[in-house]
Amino acid sequence: MVLIAPSAEFVQQLPYGKIPDRKDFYRFTDDERIRYWRAVAKVSERLGEALWELIDSGRISRLAKPL
């Protein structure tokens, strides 16, 4: 199993300083929630790009740590 998680620093940079969750359905209007979730998805694309770069370069094996 491989567990990948964003750093606390990354999460702090997100709107509202948190990862979107189900409570957002109660916290925000639909329009606010959709804008928020889309903004987080856009910022999170960097994580996906960084992961692919690590995989393509083979450097992921040097960064993986046992749990």
PDB file of N, CA and C in Angstrom:
ATOM      1  N   MET A   1       0.844  -1.148   0.000  1.00  0.00           N
ATOM      2  CA  MET A   1       0.000   0.000   0.000  1.00  0.00           C
ATOM      3  C   MET A   1       0.903   1.227   0.000  1.00  0.00           C
ATOM      4  N   VAL A   2       0.480   2.234  -0.740  1.00  0.00           N
ATOM      5  CA  VAL A   2       1.169   3.517  -0.754  1.00  0.00           C
ATOM      6  C   VAL A   2       0.180   4.554  -0.254  1.00  0.00           C
ATOM      7  N   LEU A   3       0.602   5.299   0.747  1.00  0.00           N
ATOM      8  CA  LEU A   3      -0.233   6.357   1.311  1.00  0.00           C
ATOM      9  C   LEU A   3       0.396   7.687   0.938  1.00  0.00           C
ATOM     10  N   ILE A   4      -0.378   8.525   0.279  1.00  0.00           N
ATOM     11  CA  ILE A   4       0.093   9.840  -0.125  1.00  0.00           C
ATOM     12  C   ILE A   4      -0.818  10.867   0.522  1.00  0.00           C
ATOM     13  N   ALA A   5      -0.213  11.840   1.191  1.00  0.00           N
ATOM     14  CA  ALA A   5      -1.005  12.863   1.878  1.00  0.00           C
ATOM     15  C   ALA A   5      -0.330  14.220   1.708  1.00  0.00           C
ATOM     16  N   PRO A   6      -1.131  15.273   1.599  1.00  0.00           N
ATOM     17  CA  PRO A   6      -0.543  16.607   1.485  1.00  0.00           C
ATOM     18  C   PRO A   6       0.075  17.045   2.810  1.00  0.00           C
ATOM     19  N   SER A   7       1.072  17.896   2.733  1.00  0.00           N
ATOM     20  CA  SER A   7       1.702  18.409   3.947  1.00  0.00           C
ATOM     21  C   SER A   7       0.777  19.409   4.631  1.00  0.00           C
ATOM     22  N   ALA A   8       1.042  19.640   5.901  1.00  0.00           N
ATOM     23  CA  ALA A   8       0.264  20.638   6.650  1.00  0.00           C
ATOM     24  C   ALA A   8       0.427  22.013   6.016  1.00  0.00           C
ATOM     25  N   GLU A   9       1.616  22.313   5.517  1.00  0.00           N
ATOM     26  CA  GLU A   9       1.864  23.601   4.868  1.00  0.00           C
ATOM     27  C   GLU A   9       0.998  23.768   3.622  1.00  0.00           C
ATOM     28  N   PHE A  10       0.856  22.682   2.856  1.00  0.00           N
ATOM     29  CA  PHE A  10       0.017  22.745   1.657  1.00  0.00           C
ATOM     30  C   PHE A  10      -1.435  22.996   2.048  1.00  0.00           C
ATOM     31  N   VAL A  11      -1.919  22.270   3.032  1.00  0.00           N
ATOM     32  CA  VAL A  11      -3.315  22.415   3.460  1.00  0.00           C
ATOM     33  C   VAL A  11      -3.575  23.837   3.956  1.00  0.00           C
ATOM     34  N   GLN A  12      -2.626  24.414   4.668  1.00  0.00           N
ATOM     35  CA  GLN A  12      -2.795  25.779   5.164  1.00  0.00           C
ATOM     36  C   GLN A  12      -2.941  26.792   4.032  1.00  0.00           C
ATOM     37  N   GLN A  13      -2.392  26.484   2.864  1.00  0.00           N
ATOM     38  CA  GLN A  13      -2.478  27.386   1.720  1.00  0.00           C
ATOM     39  C   GLN A  13      -3.821  27.298   0.999  1.00  0.00           C
ATOM     40  N   LEU A  14      -4.598  26.289   1.299  1.00  0.00           N
ATOM     41  CA  LEU A  14      -5.899  26.122   0.658  1.00  0.00           C
ATOM     42  C   LEU A  14      -6.877  27.164   1.180  1.00  0.00           C
ATOM     43  N   PRO A  15      -7.901  27.476   0.386  1.00  0.00           N
ATOM     44  CA  PRO A  15      -8.937  28.372   0.907  1.00  0.00           C
ATOM     45  C   PRO A  15      -9.497  27.803   2.213  1.00  0.00           C
ATOM     46  N   TYR A  16      -9.672  28.642   3.193  1.00  0.00           N
ATOM     47  CA  TYR A  16     -10.161  28.274   4.524  1.00  0.00           C
ATOM     48  C   TYR A  16      -9.171  27.395   5.282  1.00  0.00           C
ATOM     49  N   GLY A  17      -7.974  27.137   4.712  1.00  0.00           N
ATOM     50  CA  GLY A  17      -6.938  26.378   5.395  1.00  0.00           C
ATOM     51  C   GLY A  17      -7.314  24.947   5.703  1.00  0.00           C
ATOM     52  N   LYS A  18      -8.174  24.358   4.859  1.00  0.00           N
ATOM     53  CA  LYS A  18      -8.599  22.981   5.114  1.00  0.00           C
ATOM     54  C   LYS A  18      -8.963  22.285   3.814  1.00  0.00           C
ATOM     55  N   ILE A  19      -8.974  20.974   3.878  1.00  0.00           N
ATOM     56  CA  ILE A  19      -9.421  20.160   2.753  1.00  0.00           C
ATOM     57  C   ILE A  19     -10.950  20.136   2.788  1.00  0.00           C
ATOM     58  N   PRO A  20     -11.605  20.336   1.647  1.00  0.00           N
ATOM     59  CA  PRO A  20     -13.073  20.298   1.640  1.00  0.00           C
ATOM     60  C   PRO A  20     -13.610  18.984   2.211  1.00  0.00           C
ATOM     61  N   ASP A  21     -14.757  19.075   2.870  1.00  0.00           N
ATOM     62  CA  ASP A  21     -15.374  17.878   3.431  1.00  0.00           C
ATOM     63  C   ASP A  21     -16.899  17.994   3.375  1.00  0.00           C
ATOM     64  N   ARG A  22     -17.562  16.962   3.854  1.00  0.00           N
ATOM     65  CA  ARG A  22     -19.035  16.917   3.778  1.00  0.00           C
ATOM     66  C   ARG A  22     -19.707  18.008   4.596  1.00  0.00           C
ATOM     67  N   LYS A  23     -19.031  18.498   5.621  1.00  0.00           N
ATOM     68  CA  LYS A  23     -19.623  19.560   6.443  1.00  0.00           C
ATOM     69  C   LYS A  23     -19.810  20.856   5.648  1.00  0.00           C
ATOM     70  N   ASP A  24     -19.090  20.963   4.544  1.00  0.00           N
ATOM     71  CA  ASP A  24     -19.219  22.159   3.707  1.00  0.00           C
ATOM     72  C   ASP A  24     -20.628  22.311   3.142  1.00  0.00           C
ATOM     73  N   PHE A  25     -21.363  21.203   3.044  1.00  0.00           N
ATOM     74  CA  PHE A  25     -22.740  21.282   2.553  1.00  0.00           C
ATOM     75  C   PHE A  25     -23.618  22.076   3.515  1.00  0.00           C
ATOM     76  N   TYR A  26     -23.244  22.100   4.782  1.00  0.00           N
ATOM     77  CA  TYR A  26     -24.005  22.842   5.788  1.00  0.00           C
ATOM     78  C   TYR A  26     -23.414  24.223   6.030  1.00  0.00           C
ATOM     79  N   ARG A  27     -22.129  24.359   5.782  1.00  0.00           N
ATOM     80  CA  ARG A  27     -21.384  25.570   6.094  1.00  0.00           C
ATOM     81  C   ARG A  27     -21.537  26.647   5.019  1.00  0.00           C
ATOM     82  N   PHE A  28     -21.685  26.245   3.749  1.00  0.00           N
ATOM     83  CA  PHE A  28     -21.697  27.175   2.626  1.00  0.00           C
ATOM     84  C   PHE A  28     -22.957  27.019   1.790  1.00  0.00           C
ATOM     85  N   THR A  29     -23.263  28.071   1.045  1.00  0.00           N
ATOM     86  CA  THR A  29     -24.318  27.933   0.045  1.00  0.00           C
ATOM     87  C   THR A  29     -23.760  27.055  -1.076  1.00  0.00           C
ATOM     88  N   ASP A  30     -24.631  26.591  -1.947  1.00  0.00           N
ATOM     89  CA  ASP A  30     -24.169  25.754  -3.058  1.00  0.00           C
ATOM     90  C   ASP A  30     -23.123  26.480  -3.890  1.00  0.00           C
ATOM     91  N   ASP A  31     -23.389  27.739  -4.229  1.00  0.00           N
ATOM     92  CA  ASP A  31     -22.442  28.496  -5.057  1.00  0.00           C
ATOM     93  C   ASP A  31     -21.101  28.682  -4.356  1.00  0.00           C
ATOM     94  N   GLU A  32     -21.125  28.989  -3.071  1.00  0.00           N
ATOM     95  CA  GLU A  32     -19.880  29.152  -2.305  1.00  0.00           C
ATOM     96  C   GLU A  32     -19.095  27.847  -2.257  1.00  0.00           C
ATOM     97  N   ARG A  33     -19.801  26.773  -1.977  1.00  0.00           N
ATOM     98  CA  ARG A  33     -19.156  25.466  -1.872  1.00  0.00           C
ATOM     99  C   ARG A  33     -18.542  25.039  -3.200  1.00  0.00           C
ATOM    100  N   ILE A  34     -19.270  25.231  -4.270  1.00  0.00           N
ATOM    101  CA  ILE A  34     -18.763  24.839  -5.583  1.00  0.00           C
ATOM    102  C   ILE A  34     -17.534  25.662  -5.948  1.00  0.00           C
ATOM    103  N   ARG A  35     -17.573  26.964  -5.698  1.00  0.00           N
ATOM    104  CA  ARG A  35     -16.406  27.814  -5.958  1.00  0.00           C
ATOM    105  C   ARG A  35     -15.197  27.363  -5.130  1.00  0.00           C
ATOM    106  N   TYR A  36     -15.446  27.097  -3.856  1.00  0.00           N
ATOM    107  CA  TYR A  36     -14.402  26.650  -2.936  1.00  0.00           C
ATOM    108  C   TYR A  36     -13.799  25.328  -3.404  1.00  0.00           C
ATOM    109  N   TRP A  37     -14.636  24.356  -3.680  1.00  0.00           N
ATOM    110  CA  TRP A  37     -14.144  23.042  -4.084  1.00  0.00           C
ATOM    111  C   TRP A  37     -13.377  23.124  -5.397  1.00  0.00           C
ATOM    112  N   ARG A  38     -13.849  23.921  -6.339  1.00  0.00           N
ATOM    113  CA  ARG A  38     -13.135  24.077  -7.619  1.00  0.00           C
ATOM    114  C   ARG A  38     -11.787  24.739  -7.414  1.00  0.00           C
ATOM    115  N   ALA A  39     -11.722  25.726  -6.530  1.00  0.00           N
ATOM    116  CA  ALA A  39     -10.448  26.399  -6.242  1.00  0.00           C
ATOM    117  C   ALA A  39      -9.450  25.407  -5.651  1.00  0.00           C
ATOM    118  N   VAL A  40      -9.909  24.572  -4.732  1.00  0.00           N
ATOM    119  CA  VAL A  40      -9.028  23.575  -4.124  1.00  0.00           C
ATOM    120  C   VAL A  40      -8.582  22.552  -5.171  1.00  0.00           C
ATOM    121  N   ALA A  41      -9.472  22.134  -6.041  1.00  0.00           N
ATOM    122  CA  ALA A  41      -9.113  21.169  -7.086  1.00  0.00           C
ATOM    123  C   ALA A  41      -8.039  21.753  -8.002  1.00  0.00           C
ATOM    124  N   LYS A  42      -8.166  23.025  -8.335  1.00  0.00           N
ATOM    125  CA  LYS A  42      -7.188  23.673  -9.209  1.00  0.00           C
ATOM    126  C   LYS A  42      -5.815  23.735  -8.540  1.00  0.00           C
ATOM    127  N   VAL A  43      -5.777  24.133  -7.288  1.00  0.00           N
ATOM    128  CA  VAL A  43      -4.515  24.199  -6.550  1.00  0.00           C
ATOM    129  C   VAL A  43      -3.927  22.797  -6.395  1.00  0.00           C
ATOM    130  N   SER A  44      -4.777  21.808  -6.211  1.00  0.00           N
ATOM    131  CA  SER A  44      -4.319  20.438  -5.982  1.00  0.00           C
ATOM    132  C   SER A  44      -3.721  19.797  -7.226  1.00  0.00           C
ATOM    133  N   GLU A  45      -3.959  20.372  -8.378  1.00  0.00           N
ATOM    134  CA  GLU A  45      -3.355  19.845  -9.605  1.00  0.00           C
ATOM    135  C   GLU A  45      -1.831  19.821  -9.476  1.00  0.00           C
ATOM    136  N   ARG A  46      -1.264  20.765  -8.726  1.00  0.00           N
ATOM    137  CA  ARG A  46       0.193  20.790  -8.507  1.00  0.00           C
ATOM    138  C   ARG A  46       0.668  19.510  -7.838  1.00  0.00           C
ATOM    139  N   LEU A  47      -0.133  18.992  -6.911  1.00  0.00           N
ATOM    140  CA  LEU A  47       0.249  17.747  -6.243  1.00  0.00           C
ATOM    141  C   LEU A  47       0.303  16.596  -7.242  1.00  0.00           C
ATOM    142  N   GLY A  48      -0.694  16.523  -8.089  1.00  0.00           N
ATOM    143  CA  GLY A  48      -0.720  15.471  -9.101  1.00  0.00           C
ATOM    144  C   GLY A  48       0.457  15.568 -10.055  1.00  0.00           C
ATOM    145  N   GLU A  49       0.775  16.792 -10.476  1.00  0.00           N
ATOM    146  CA  GLU A  49       1.912  16.993 -11.378  1.00  0.00           C
ATOM    147  C   GLU A  49       3.223  16.605 -10.692  1.00  0.00           C
ATOM    148  N   ALA A  50       3.357  16.968  -9.424  1.00  0.00           N
ATOM    149  CA  ALA A  50       4.572  16.618  -8.678  1.00  0.00           C
ATOM    150  C   ALA A  50       4.693  15.105  -8.520  1.00  0.00           C
ATOM    151  N   LEU A  51       3.575  14.433  -8.263  1.00  0.00           N
ATOM    152  CA  LEU A  51       3.596  12.984  -8.125  1.00  0.00           C
ATOM    153  C   LEU A  51       4.023  12.322  -9.428  1.00  0.00           C
ATOM    154  N   TRP A  52       3.447  12.750 -10.548  1.00  0.00           N
ATOM    155  CA  TRP A  52       3.821  12.158 -11.836  1.00  0.00           C
ATOM    156  C   TRP A  52       5.291  12.383 -12.137  1.00  0.00           C
ATOM    157  N   GLU A  53       5.817  13.553 -11.770  1.00  0.00           N
ATOM    158  CA  GLU A  53       7.234  13.829 -11.998  1.00  0.00           C
ATOM    159  C   GLU A  53       8.095  12.871 -11.182  1.00  0.00           C
ATOM    160  N   LEU A  54       7.696  12.620  -9.934  1.00  0.00           N
ATOM    161  CA  LEU A  54       8.434  11.681  -9.090  1.00  0.00           C
ATOM    162  C   LEU A  54       8.386  10.264  -9.657  1.00  0.00           C
ATOM    163  N   ILE A  55       7.225   9.874 -10.146  1.00  0.00           N
ATOM    164  CA  ILE A  55       7.071   8.529 -10.719  1.00  0.00           C
ATOM    165  C   ILE A  55       7.883   8.412 -11.999  1.00  0.00           C
ATOM    166  N   ASP A  56       7.736   9.384 -12.903  1.00  0.00           N
ATOM    167  CA  ASP A  56       8.439   9.336 -14.188  1.00  0.00           C
ATOM    168  C   ASP A  56       9.957   9.354 -14.026  1.00  0.00           C
ATOM    169  N   SER A  57      10.434  10.105 -13.050  1.00  0.00           N
ATOM    170  CA  SER A  57      11.880  10.222 -12.851  1.00  0.00           C
ATOM    171  C   SER A  57      12.457   9.050 -12.051  1.00  0.00           C
ATOM    172  N   GLY A  58      11.595   8.286 -11.386  1.00  0.00           N
ATOM    173  CA  GLY A  58      12.046   7.182 -10.548  1.00  0.00           C
ATOM    174  C   GLY A  58      12.473   7.641  -9.152  1.00  0.00           C
ATOM    175  N   ARG A  59      12.387   8.926  -8.875  1.00  0.00           N
ATOM    176  CA  ARG A  59      12.798   9.446  -7.573  1.00  0.00           C
ATOM    177  C   ARG A  59      11.835   9.065  -6.448  1.00  0.00           C
ATOM    178  N   ILE A  60      10.666   8.578  -6.808  1.00  0.00           N
ATOM    179  CA  ILE A  60       9.681   8.237  -5.769  1.00  0.00           C
ATOM    180  C   ILE A  60      10.223   7.153  -4.838  1.00  0.00           C
ATOM    181  N   SER A  61      11.026   6.244  -5.378  1.00  0.00           N
ATOM    182  CA  SER A  61      11.549   5.166  -4.536  1.00  0.00           C
ATOM    183  C   SER A  61      12.510   5.695  -3.478  1.00  0.00           C
ATOM    184  N   ARG A  62      13.151   6.827  -3.732  1.00  0.00           N
ATOM    185  CA  ARG A  62      14.065   7.414  -2.748  1.00  0.00           C
ATOM    186  C   ARG A  62      13.310   8.190  -1.655  1.00  0.00           C
ATOM    187  N   LEU A  63      12.082   8.590  -1.973  1.00  0.00           N
ATOM    188  CA  LEU A  63      11.297   9.386  -1.011  1.00  0.00           C
ATOM    189  C   LEU A  63      10.332   8.546  -0.195  1.00  0.00           C
ATOM    190  N   ALA A  64      10.023   7.343  -0.675  1.00  0.00           N
ATOM    191  CA  ALA A  64       9.060   6.486   0.043  1.00  0.00           C
ATOM    192  C   ALA A  64       9.646   6.045   1.371  1.00  0.00           C
ATOM    193  N   LYS A  65       8.800   6.050   2.397  1.00  0.00           N
ATOM    194  CA  LYS A  65       9.218   5.646   3.734  1.00  0.00           C
ATOM    195  C   LYS A  65       8.233   4.596   4.255  1.00  0.00           C
ATOM    196  N   PRO A  66       8.728   3.588   4.963  1.00  0.00           N
ATOM    197  CA  PRO A  66       7.807   2.606   5.536  1.00  0.00           C
ATOM    198  C   PRO A  66       7.002   3.227   6.667  1.00  0.00           C
ATOM    199  N   LEU A  67       5.774   2.783   6.839  1.00  0.00           N
ATOM    200  CA  LEU A  67       4.933   3.288   7.913  1.00  0.00           C
ATOM    201  C   LEU A  67       5.255   2.632   9.236  1.00  0.00           C
TER     202      LEU A  67
END
